[in-house]
Amino acid sequence: MLLTITLRCATITGGTGSITQQKGGERLVNTRKVKSRLIELGMTQDEAAKKCSMTQPSFNQKVNNVRPMDVDEAMRIAQVLEIPDNEFGIYFFYDGVA
């Protein structure tokens, strides 16, 4: 799956780059949206992690912005959580502005 995201700050094409964990609010995983999506689907973090070929602790740390997440991982999570391509940036390049 090839995904191209154009944001105010950059254009990211799936398979390259990473989602950095900067405290300035740039390119953070939108933890609230990801966790809400898990609830909507009735899926636990452990179930999602297994479907993404990750351990539950690794999945948790990436979703909670403790460890960096690369674009491939974000794309796997988006696929497992059935996140539409046009909403990818809302979940994985969150700038803190609602």
Protein backbone atom coordinates (compact mmCIF):
# COMPACT_ATOMS: atom_id res chain seq x y z
CA MET A 1 0.00 0.00 0.00
CA LEU A 2 1.47 3.35 -1.03
CA LEU A 3 0.15 6.36 0.79
CA THR A 4 1.12 9.97 0.29
CA ILE A 5 0.20 12.49 2.96
CA THR A 6 0.56 16.22 2.40
CA LEU A 7 0.64 18.31 5.54
CA ARG A 8 1.41 21.92 6.30
CA CYS A 9 4.94 20.94 7.26
CA ALA A 10 5.83 18.11 4.86
CA THR A 11 4.81 15.52 2.33
CA ILE A 12 5.36 11.95 3.51
CA THR A 13 5.16 8.98 1.18
CA GLY A 14 4.55 5.62 2.82
CA GLY A 15 7.63 3.54 3.43
CA THR A 16 9.96 6.38 4.31
CA GLY A 17 10.57 8.62 7.27
CA SER A 18 9.32 8.42 10.80
CA ILE A 19 6.79 10.10 13.00
CA THR A 20 8.97 11.89 15.49
CA GLN A 21 8.00 12.56 19.06
CA GLN A 22 8.61 16.29 19.34
CA LYS A 23 7.15 18.14 22.29
CA GLY A 24 6.41 21.21 20.14
CA GLY A 25 3.26 19.46 18.94
CA GLU A 26 4.61 18.46 15.54
CA ARG A 27 3.91 15.06 14.04
CA LEU A 28 2.73 13.30 17.17
CA VAL A 29 0.49 10.27 17.19
CA ASN A 30 -3.01 11.35 18.19
CA THR A 31 -3.27 8.96 21.12
CA ARG A 32 -6.88 9.85 21.89
CA LYS A 33 -8.03 9.15 18.32
CA VAL A 34 -6.16 5.84 18.10
CA LYS A 35 -7.50 4.64 21.46
CA SER A 36 -11.03 5.76 20.55
CA ARG A 37 -10.78 3.81 17.31
CA LEU A 38 -9.72 0.71 19.24
CA ILE A 39 -12.82 1.09 21.42
CA GLU A 40 -15.07 1.64 18.36
CA LEU A 41 -13.81 -1.63 16.90
CA GLY A 42 -14.01 -3.48 20.23
CA MET A 43 -10.32 -4.30 19.95
CA THR A 44 -7.72 -4.40 22.72
CA GLN A 45 -4.21 -3.03 22.33
CA ASP A 46 -2.93 -6.59 22.59
CA GLU A 47 -5.15 -7.74 19.70
CA ALA A 48 -4.17 -4.73 17.57
CA ALA A 49 -0.49 -5.23 18.38
CA LYS A 50 -0.60 -8.88 17.28
CA LYS A 51 -2.34 -7.95 14.02
CA CYS A 52 0.40 -5.34 13.46
CA SER A 53 3.18 -7.86 14.24
CA MET A 54 4.22 -5.92 17.35
CA THR A 55 4.35 -6.72 21.01
CA GLN A 56 1.70 -5.08 23.19
CA PRO A 57 4.30 -3.01 25.13
CA SER A 58 5.84 -1.73 21.88
CA PHE A 59 2.41 -0.89 20.43
CA ASN A 60 1.45 0.91 23.64
CA GLN A 61 4.67 2.94 23.75
CA LYS A 62 4.35 3.98 20.11
CA VAL A 63 0.68 4.95 20.43
CA ASN A 64 1.47 6.90 23.62
CA ASN A 65 4.36 8.81 22.01
CA VAL A 66 7.00 7.19 24.20
CA ARG A 67 8.85 5.53 21.30
CA PRO A 68 9.08 6.77 17.72
CA MET A 69 6.86 5.20 15.10
CA ASP A 70 7.97 4.85 11.50
CA VAL A 71 5.59 5.38 8.60
CA ASP A 72 5.38 1.64 7.83
CA GLU A 73 4.23 0.97 11.41
CA ALA A 74 1.68 3.78 11.21
CA MET A 75 0.38 2.35 7.94
CA ARG A 76 0.04 -1.14 9.49
CA ILE A 77 -1.84 0.29 12.46
CA ALA A 78 -4.08 2.32 10.14
CA GLN A 79 -4.87 -0.81 8.14
CA VAL A 80 -5.67 -2.87 11.25
CA LEU A 81 -7.84 -0.06 12.65
CA GLU A 82 -9.54 0.43 9.27
CA ILE A 83 -8.60 4.11 9.20
CA PRO A 84 -9.46 5.64 5.81
CA ASP A 85 -6.51 7.05 3.85
CA ASN A 86 -8.00 10.55 3.99
CA GLU A 87 -7.97 10.42 7.83
CA PHE A 88 -4.42 9.06 8.21
CA GLY A 89 -3.01 12.50 9.04
CA ILE A 90 -5.58 13.06 11.77
CA TYR A 91 -4.37 9.95 13.59
CA PHE A 92 -0.65 9.97 12.91
CA PHE A 93 0.45 13.54 12.24
CA TYR A 94 -1.50 15.26 14.95
CA ASP A 95 -0.52 18.86 15.66
CA GLY A 96 -2.71 19.35 18.73
CA VAL A 97 -5.19 21.63 16.97
CA ALA A 98 -8.74 20.33 16.99
